[in-house]
Amino acid sequence: MFFKKNNPALTKEEFQLQRYQAFEFNLGYHFTSMRGVNLMYWKSQSLDEVGIKNGLFIILVGQVSDLWNGKNIRFGFRPSLFVIHNTAPFTGYFASQISTVYFKKIPFNLSFQTVHPLHAEPKTKFNWNVGLNFQF
């Protein structure tokens, strides 16, 4: 992983390489071709003395890719619950959702994600973002 750090007192940028070993486990089940559930477990450990020493990420995701299926547009929804614990320090329990609009004749889709902290240390607020995804 590369990290970029800007020092406001300097006009130079500092780059550093940080190495991690990681273990990842994914388990998924599809009820139909458009609906399913996934569980992911991710654990990392730093190989260097700098940076985040370790991290844990567990997420349970529901997939509903055919919430609405029109002639040229399809709407999908992915609710999730996840846990983050690392030595940044940042830890917490969160609820999230990603809503996606798929266009059948256009090679991109639009997504909207919201993240609501159920409990987080340090305190954090509701976040959201919008994405434009191109299909290759």
C-alpha atoms as a PDB file:
ATOM      1  CA  MET A   1       0.000   0.000   0.000  1.00  0.00           C
ATOM      2  CA  PHE A   2       1.198   3.491  -0.724  1.00  0.00           C
ATOM      3  CA  PHE A   3       0.315   6.402   1.514  1.00  0.00           C
ATOM      4  CA  LYS A   4       0.754  10.056   0.667  1.00  0.00           C
ATOM      5  CA  LYS A   5       1.180  12.575   3.459  1.00  0.00           C
ATOM      6  CA  ASN A   6       1.225  16.327   2.944  1.00  0.00           C
ATOM      7  CA  ASN A   7       2.908  18.543   5.492  1.00  0.00           C
ATOM      8  CA  PRO A   8       1.145  21.941   5.396  1.00  0.00           C
ATOM      9  CA  ALA A   9       4.324  23.677   6.626  1.00  0.00           C
ATOM     10  CA  LEU A  10       6.349  22.294   3.711  1.00  0.00           C
ATOM     11  CA  THR A  11       5.817  22.405  -0.008  1.00  0.00           C
ATOM     12  CA  LYS A  12       7.172  18.851  -0.429  1.00  0.00           C
ATOM     13  CA  GLU A  13       5.182  15.643  -0.411  1.00  0.00           C
ATOM     14  CA  GLU A  14       6.283  12.562   1.496  1.00  0.00           C
ATOM     15  CA  PHE A  15       5.564   9.061   0.153  1.00  0.00           C
ATOM     16  CA  GLN A  16       6.140   5.840   2.047  1.00  0.00           C
ATOM     17  CA  LEU A  17       5.660   2.186   1.227  1.00  0.00           C
ATOM     18  CA  GLN A  18       3.971   0.092   3.893  1.00  0.00           C
ATOM     19  CA  ARG A  19       3.785  -3.692   3.655  1.00  0.00           C
ATOM     20  CA  TYR A  20       0.991  -5.826   5.084  1.00  0.00           C
ATOM     21  CA  GLN A  21       0.111  -9.478   5.183  1.00  0.00           C
ATOM     22  CA  ALA A  22      -3.597 -10.181   4.977  1.00  0.00           C
ATOM     23  CA  PHE A  23      -6.032 -13.035   5.338  1.00  0.00           C
ATOM     24  CA  GLU A  24      -9.381 -12.819   3.600  1.00  0.00           C
ATOM     25  CA  PHE A  25     -12.329 -15.205   3.707  1.00  0.00           C
ATOM     26  CA  ASN A  26     -15.470 -14.796   1.582  1.00  0.00           C
ATOM     27  CA  LEU A  27     -18.594 -16.868   1.799  1.00  0.00           C
ATOM     28  CA  GLY A  28     -21.603 -16.278  -0.431  1.00  0.00           C
ATOM     29  CA  TYR A  29     -24.943 -17.826  -1.220  1.00  0.00           C
ATOM     30  CA  HIS A  30     -27.281 -16.868  -4.071  1.00  0.00           C
ATOM     31  CA  PHE A  31     -30.976 -17.561  -3.704  1.00  0.00           C
ATOM     32  CA  THR A  32     -31.502 -16.574  -7.350  1.00  0.00           C
ATOM     33  CA  SER A  33     -29.176 -15.091  -9.980  1.00  0.00           C
ATOM     34  CA  MET A  34     -30.050 -11.590  -8.714  1.00  0.00           C
ATOM     35  CA  ARG A  35     -30.426 -12.127  -4.956  1.00  0.00           C
ATOM     36  CA  GLY A  36     -28.031 -13.398  -2.348  1.00  0.00           C
ATOM     37  CA  VAL A  37     -26.004 -12.808   0.781  1.00  0.00           C
ATOM     38  CA  ASN A  38     -22.235 -12.526   1.341  1.00  0.00           C
ATOM     39  CA  LEU A  39     -20.046 -12.631   4.434  1.00  0.00           C
ATOM     40  CA  MET A  40     -16.470 -11.352   4.318  1.00  0.00           C
ATOM     41  CA  TYR A  41     -13.757 -11.537   6.986  1.00  0.00           C
ATOM     42  CA  TRP A  42     -10.510  -9.589   6.443  1.00  0.00           C
ATOM     43  CA  LYS A  43      -7.571  -9.446   8.876  1.00  0.00           C
ATOM     44  CA  SER A  44      -4.281  -7.656   8.230  1.00  0.00           C
ATOM     45  CA  GLN A  45      -0.976  -7.342  10.063  1.00  0.00           C
ATOM     46  CA  SER A  46       1.750  -4.791   9.354  1.00  0.00           C
ATOM     47  CA  LEU A  47       5.176  -6.064   8.313  1.00  0.00           C
ATOM     48  CA  ASP A  48       6.762  -2.677   9.026  1.00  0.00           C
ATOM     49  CA  GLU A  49       7.207  -0.545  12.137  1.00  0.00           C
ATOM     50  CA  VAL A  50       5.247   2.369  10.651  1.00  0.00           C
ATOM     51  CA  GLY A  51       1.585   2.724   9.815  1.00  0.00           C
ATOM     52  CA  ILE A  52      -1.431   0.788  11.046  1.00  0.00           C
ATOM     53  CA  LYS A  53      -0.207  -2.264  13.007  1.00  0.00           C
ATOM     54  CA  ASN A  54      -3.259  -4.442  12.356  1.00  0.00           C
ATOM     55  CA  GLY A  55      -6.817  -4.298  11.152  1.00  0.00           C
ATOM     56  CA  LEU A  56     -10.027  -6.313  11.188  1.00  0.00           C
ATOM     57  CA  PHE A  57     -13.016  -5.910   8.861  1.00  0.00           C
ATOM     58  CA  ILE A  58     -16.140  -8.117   8.935  1.00  0.00           C
ATOM     59  CA  ILE A  59     -19.134  -7.404   6.696  1.00  0.00           C
ATOM     60  CA  LEU A  60     -22.484  -9.075   6.014  1.00  0.00           C
ATOM     61  CA  VAL A  61     -24.060  -7.929   2.734  1.00  0.00           C
ATOM     62  CA  GLY A  62     -27.457  -8.622   1.214  1.00  0.00           C
ATOM     63  CA  GLN A  63     -27.745  -8.399  -2.570  1.00  0.00           C
ATOM     64  CA  VAL A  64     -30.948  -7.484  -4.347  1.00  0.00           C
ATOM     65  CA  SER A  65     -29.902  -6.720  -7.926  1.00  0.00           C
ATOM     66  CA  ASP A  66     -33.437  -6.765  -9.351  1.00  0.00           C
ATOM     67  CA  LEU A  67     -35.353  -4.540  -6.945  1.00  0.00           C
ATOM     68  CA  TRP A  68     -36.891  -2.913 -10.014  1.00  0.00           C
ATOM     69  CA  ASN A  69     -36.297  -4.176 -13.551  1.00  0.00           C
ATOM     70  CA  GLY A  70     -37.557  -1.919 -16.345  1.00  0.00           C
ATOM     71  CA  LYS A  71     -37.092  -2.042 -20.106  1.00  0.00           C
ATOM     72  CA  ASN A  72     -33.821  -0.049 -20.153  1.00  0.00           C
ATOM     73  CA  ILE A  73     -33.002   0.479 -16.481  1.00  0.00           C
ATOM     74  CA  ARG A  74     -32.528  -1.871 -13.539  1.00  0.00           C
ATOM     75  CA  PHE A  75     -32.312  -0.825  -9.876  1.00  0.00           C
ATOM     76  CA  GLY A  76     -30.286  -2.753  -7.285  1.00  0.00           C
ATOM     77  CA  PHE A  77     -29.889  -2.478  -3.537  1.00  0.00           C
ATOM     78  CA  ARG A  78     -27.194  -3.868  -1.202  1.00  0.00           C
ATOM     79  CA  PRO A  79     -27.763  -3.364   2.549  1.00  0.00           C
ATOM     80  CA  SER A  80     -24.895  -4.278   4.876  1.00  0.00           C
ATOM     81  CA  LEU A  81     -23.706  -4.391   8.463  1.00  0.00           C
ATOM     82  CA  PHE A  82     -19.983  -4.209   9.179  1.00  0.00           C
ATOM     83  CA  VAL A  83     -17.368  -3.986  11.904  1.00  0.00           C
ATOM     84  CA  ILE A  84     -14.011  -2.203  11.666  1.00  0.00           C
ATOM     85  CA  HIS A  85     -11.291  -2.507  14.277  1.00  0.00           C
ATOM     86  CA  ASN A  86      -7.762  -1.276  13.657  1.00  0.00           C
ATOM     87  CA  THR A  87      -4.889   0.520  15.340  1.00  0.00           C
ATOM     88  CA  ALA A  88      -5.367   3.761  13.370  1.00  0.00           C
ATOM     89  CA  PRO A  89      -7.124   4.055  15.981  1.00  0.00           C
ATOM     90  CA  PHE A  90     -10.564   3.581  14.537  1.00  0.00           C
ATOM     91  CA  THR A  91     -13.174   1.037  15.513  1.00  0.00           C
ATOM     92  CA  GLY A  92     -16.921   0.731  15.186  1.00  0.00           C
ATOM     93  CA  TYR A  93     -20.139  -0.917  14.063  1.00  0.00           C
ATOM     94  CA  PHE A  94     -21.882   0.465  10.975  1.00  0.00           C
ATOM     95  CA  ALA A  95     -24.982   0.033   8.809  1.00  0.00           C
ATOM     96  CA  SER A  96     -24.642   0.813   5.127  1.00  0.00           C
ATOM     97  CA  GLN A  97     -26.448   0.564   1.829  1.00  0.00           C
ATOM     98  CA  ILE A  98     -25.462   0.901  -1.800  1.00  0.00           C
ATOM     99  CA  SER A  99     -28.195   1.648  -4.326  1.00  0.00           C
ATOM    100  CA  THR A 100     -27.284   1.244  -7.982  1.00  0.00           C
ATOM    101  CA  VAL A 101     -29.008   2.206 -11.223  1.00  0.00           C
ATOM    102  CA  TYR A 102     -27.916  -0.019 -14.129  1.00  0.00           C
ATOM    103  CA  PHE A 103     -28.461   1.121 -17.715  1.00  0.00           C
ATOM    104  CA  LYS A 104     -28.957  -1.737 -20.164  1.00  0.00           C
ATOM    105  CA  LYS A 105     -27.730   0.110 -23.284  1.00  0.00           C
ATOM    106  CA  ILE A 106     -25.085   2.356 -21.718  1.00  0.00           C
ATOM    107  CA  PRO A 107     -21.722   0.968 -20.444  1.00  0.00           C
ATOM    108  CA  PHE A 108     -21.874   2.574 -16.991  1.00  0.00           C
ATOM    109  CA  ASN A 109     -24.019   2.678 -13.883  1.00  0.00           C
ATOM    110  CA  LEU A 110     -24.629   5.140 -11.065  1.00  0.00           C
ATOM    111  CA  SER A 111     -24.377   4.256  -7.393  1.00  0.00           C
ATOM    112  CA  PHE A 112     -25.238   5.993  -4.155  1.00  0.00           C
ATOM    113  CA  GLN A 113     -23.812   4.810  -0.829  1.00  0.00           C
ATOM    114  CA  THR A 114     -24.700   5.808   2.718  1.00  0.00           C
ATOM    115  CA  VAL A 115     -22.921   4.746   5.907  1.00  0.00           C
ATOM    116  CA  HIS A 116     -24.493   5.219   9.313  1.00  0.00           C
ATOM    117  CA  PRO A 117     -22.289   4.660  12.396  1.00  0.00           C
ATOM    118  CA  LEU A 118     -24.116   2.591  15.025  1.00  0.00           C
ATOM    119  CA  HIS A 119     -21.186   2.991  17.423  1.00  0.00           C
ATOM    120  CA  ALA A 120     -17.740   4.350  16.489  1.00  0.00           C
ATOM    121  CA  GLU A 121     -14.600   5.461  18.342  1.00  0.00           C
ATOM    122  CA  PRO A 122     -13.596   8.147  17.726  1.00  0.00           C
ATOM    123  CA  LYS A 123     -17.057   9.555  17.002  1.00  0.00           C
ATOM    124  CA  THR A 124     -17.914   9.836  13.343  1.00  0.00           C
ATOM    125  CA  LYS A 125     -20.900  11.127  11.405  1.00  0.00           C
ATOM    126  CA  PHE A 126     -23.198   9.877   8.690  1.00  0.00           C
ATOM    127  CA  ASN A 127     -21.328   9.614   5.352  1.00  0.00           C
ATOM    128  CA  TRP A 128     -22.468   9.335   1.779  1.00  0.00           C
ATOM    129  CA  ASN A 129     -20.940   9.254  -1.693  1.00  0.00           C
ATOM    130  CA  VAL A 130     -21.994   8.972  -5.320  1.00  0.00           C
ATOM    131  CA  GLY A 131     -20.185   6.818  -7.855  1.00  0.00           C
ATOM    132  CA  LEU A 132     -19.998   6.446 -11.621  1.00  0.00           C
ATOM    133  CA  ASN A 133     -18.854   2.961 -12.646  1.00  0.00           C
ATOM    134  CA  PHE A 134     -17.725   2.093 -16.174  1.00  0.00           C
ATOM    135  CA  GLN A 135     -18.017  -1.443 -17.505  1.00  0.00           C
ATOM    136  CA  PHE A 136     -15.044  -2.857 -19.408  1.00  0.00           C
END
